[in-house]
């Protein structure tokens, strides 16, 4: 599996240029792994973290929220999906 850096999330979320994201991600070679591990920070008064496992072969997201707070899950899945799409497009263009 590959563990994505929490530093990549804001870059992707706020539409950093492809060159910046590629420079940060290319050395990790995420695309050689079937599973991506993605920690997601939810800014709040408690500073909660959520875990998402992205299973590329089956195109599944498995989200773990220790607080079980379902009202944010839809947003978390959108974050995972956006990251998956953005990195996959970069990989397709660059490799």
C-alpha atoms as a PDB file:
ATOM      1  CA  UNK A   1       0.000   0.000   0.000  1.00  0.00           C
ATOM      2  CA  UNK A   2       0.985   3.655  -0.294  1.00  0.00           C
ATOM      3  CA  UNK A   3       0.390   6.277   2.365  1.00  0.00           C
ATOM      4  CA  UNK A   4      -0.530   9.651   0.936  1.00  0.00           C
ATOM      5  CA  UNK A   5       0.881  12.659   2.699  1.00  0.00           C
ATOM      6  CA  UNK A   6      -1.423  15.036   4.494  1.00  0.00           C
ATOM      7  CA  UNK A   7       0.631  17.811   2.870  1.00  0.00           C
ATOM      8  CA  UNK A   8      -0.741  16.748  -0.528  1.00  0.00           C
ATOM      9  CA  UNK A   9      -4.376  17.202   0.503  1.00  0.00           C
ATOM     10  CA  UNK A  10      -4.446  21.021   0.628  1.00  0.00           C
ATOM     11  CA  UNK A  11      -2.506  21.210  -2.629  1.00  0.00           C
ATOM     12  CA  UNK A  12      -5.033  19.013  -4.378  1.00  0.00           C
ATOM     13  CA  UNK A  13      -8.057  20.447  -2.591  1.00  0.00           C
ATOM     14  CA  UNK A  14      -7.137  24.030  -3.553  1.00  0.00           C
ATOM     15  CA  UNK A  15      -6.202  23.162  -7.140  1.00  0.00           C
ATOM     16  CA  UNK A  16      -2.454  23.598  -7.038  1.00  0.00           C
ATOM     17  CA  UNK A  17      -0.873  23.380 -10.498  1.00  0.00           C
ATOM     18  CA  UNK A  18      -0.228  19.881 -11.834  1.00  0.00           C
ATOM     19  CA  UNK A  19       3.533  20.499 -11.774  1.00  0.00           C
ATOM     20  CA  UNK A  20       3.469  21.143  -8.024  1.00  0.00           C
ATOM     21  CA  UNK A  21       1.408  18.048  -7.265  1.00  0.00           C
ATOM     22  CA  UNK A  22       3.517  15.890  -9.581  1.00  0.00           C
ATOM     23  CA  UNK A  23       6.745  17.133  -7.968  1.00  0.00           C
ATOM     24  CA  UNK A  24       5.387  16.141  -4.551  1.00  0.00           C
ATOM     25  CA  UNK A  25       3.868  12.800  -5.585  1.00  0.00           C
ATOM     26  CA  UNK A  26       6.028  11.367  -8.369  1.00  0.00           C
ATOM     27  CA  UNK A  27       8.857  10.106  -6.181  1.00  0.00           C
ATOM     28  CA  UNK A  28       6.388   8.048  -4.108  1.00  0.00           C
ATOM     29  CA  UNK A  29       5.130   6.080  -7.117  1.00  0.00           C
ATOM     30  CA  UNK A  30       1.652   5.678  -5.613  1.00  0.00           C
ATOM     31  CA  UNK A  31       0.395   4.182  -8.832  1.00  0.00           C
ATOM     32  CA  UNK A  32       2.458   1.031  -8.250  1.00  0.00           C
ATOM     33  CA  UNK A  33       0.304   0.162  -5.218  1.00  0.00           C
ATOM     34  CA  UNK A  34      -3.204  -1.294  -5.194  1.00  0.00           C
ATOM     35  CA  UNK A  35      -4.198   0.403  -1.948  1.00  0.00           C
ATOM     36  CA  UNK A  36      -3.776   4.050  -1.002  1.00  0.00           C
ATOM     37  CA  UNK A  37      -4.038   5.058   2.651  1.00  0.00           C
ATOM     38  CA  UNK A  38      -5.350   8.572   3.085  1.00  0.00           C
ATOM     39  CA  UNK A  39      -5.530  10.364   6.453  1.00  0.00           C
ATOM     40  CA  UNK A  40      -8.049  13.225   6.345  1.00  0.00           C
ATOM     41  CA  UNK A  41      -8.018  15.992   8.920  1.00  0.00           C
ATOM     42  CA  UNK A  42     -11.353  17.557   9.783  1.00  0.00           C
ATOM     43  CA  UNK A  43     -10.719  21.000  11.188  1.00  0.00           C
ATOM     44  CA  UNK A  44     -12.973  21.434  14.188  1.00  0.00           C
ATOM     45  CA  UNK A  45     -12.799  22.270  17.850  1.00  0.00           C
ATOM     46  CA  UNK A  46     -11.475  18.748  18.519  1.00  0.00           C
ATOM     47  CA  UNK A  47      -9.246  18.387  15.440  1.00  0.00           C
ATOM     48  CA  UNK A  48     -10.567  14.989  14.374  1.00  0.00           C
ATOM     49  CA  UNK A  49      -8.831  12.650  11.890  1.00  0.00           C
ATOM     50  CA  UNK A  50     -10.566  10.186   9.560  1.00  0.00           C
ATOM     51  CA  UNK A  51      -8.965   7.258   7.738  1.00  0.00           C
ATOM     52  CA  UNK A  52      -9.770   6.340   4.148  1.00  0.00           C
ATOM     53  CA  UNK A  53      -8.422   3.309   2.324  1.00  0.00           C
ATOM     54  CA  UNK A  54      -8.679   3.606  -1.451  1.00  0.00           C
ATOM     55  CA  UNK A  55      -8.770   0.204  -3.148  1.00  0.00           C
ATOM     56  CA  UNK A  56      -7.837   0.937  -6.750  1.00  0.00           C
ATOM     57  CA  UNK A  57      -8.568  -2.458  -8.395  1.00  0.00           C
ATOM     58  CA  UNK A  58     -12.139  -2.557  -7.069  1.00  0.00           C
ATOM     59  CA  UNK A  59     -12.607   1.250  -7.095  1.00  0.00           C
ATOM     60  CA  UNK A  60     -13.782   1.256  -3.480  1.00  0.00           C
ATOM     61  CA  UNK A  61     -13.319   3.720  -0.645  1.00  0.00           C
ATOM     62  CA  UNK A  62     -13.394   2.378   2.901  1.00  0.00           C
ATOM     63  CA  UNK A  63     -13.860   5.183   5.387  1.00  0.00           C
ATOM     64  CA  UNK A  64     -13.181   4.827   9.101  1.00  0.00           C
ATOM     65  CA  UNK A  65     -14.402   7.498  11.487  1.00  0.00           C
ATOM     66  CA  UNK A  66     -13.805   6.609  15.126  1.00  0.00           C
ATOM     67  CA  UNK A  67     -16.530   9.053  16.176  1.00  0.00           C
ATOM     68  CA  UNK A  68     -19.050   7.569  13.746  1.00  0.00           C
ATOM     69  CA  UNK A  69     -20.134  11.065  12.714  1.00  0.00           C
ATOM     70  CA  UNK A  70     -22.044  10.256   9.514  1.00  0.00           C
ATOM     71  CA  UNK A  71     -22.942  13.840   8.603  1.00  0.00           C
ATOM     72  CA  UNK A  72     -19.386  14.425   7.271  1.00  0.00           C
ATOM     73  CA  UNK A  73     -18.960  11.151   5.394  1.00  0.00           C
ATOM     74  CA  UNK A  74     -20.321  12.440   2.113  1.00  0.00           C
ATOM     75  CA  UNK A  75     -17.749  15.258   2.160  1.00  0.00           C
ATOM     76  CA  UNK A  76     -14.944  12.858   3.116  1.00  0.00           C
ATOM     77  CA  UNK A  77     -15.787  10.570   0.192  1.00  0.00           C
ATOM     78  CA  UNK A  78     -15.756  13.589  -2.147  1.00  0.00           C
ATOM     79  CA  UNK A  79     -12.275  14.472  -0.873  1.00  0.00           C
ATOM     80  CA  UNK A  80     -11.082  10.895  -1.493  1.00  0.00           C
ATOM     81  CA  UNK A  81     -12.627  10.827  -4.939  1.00  0.00           C
ATOM     82  CA  UNK A  82     -11.155  14.190  -5.919  1.00  0.00           C
ATOM     83  CA  UNK A  83      -7.678  13.103  -4.831  1.00  0.00           C
ATOM     84  CA  UNK A  84      -7.994   9.790  -6.640  1.00  0.00           C
ATOM     85  CA  UNK A  85      -9.106  11.447  -9.879  1.00  0.00           C
ATOM     86  CA  UNK A  86      -6.478  14.188  -9.760  1.00  0.00           C
ATOM     87  CA  UNK A  87      -3.535  11.879  -9.087  1.00  0.00           C
ATOM     88  CA  UNK A  88      -4.766   9.288 -11.598  1.00  0.00           C
ATOM     89  CA  UNK A  89      -4.975  11.951 -14.325  1.00  0.00           C
ATOM     90  CA  UNK A  90      -1.462  13.133 -13.523  1.00  0.00           C
ATOM     91  CA  UNK A  91      -0.126   9.582 -13.655  1.00  0.00           C
ATOM     92  CA  UNK A  92      -1.809   8.963 -17.006  1.00  0.00           C
ATOM     93  CA  UNK A  93      -0.231  12.091 -18.507  1.00  0.00           C
ATOM     94  CA  UNK A  94       3.239  11.649 -17.033  1.00  0.00           C
ATOM     95  CA  UNK A  95       4.015   7.954 -17.261  1.00  0.00           C
END
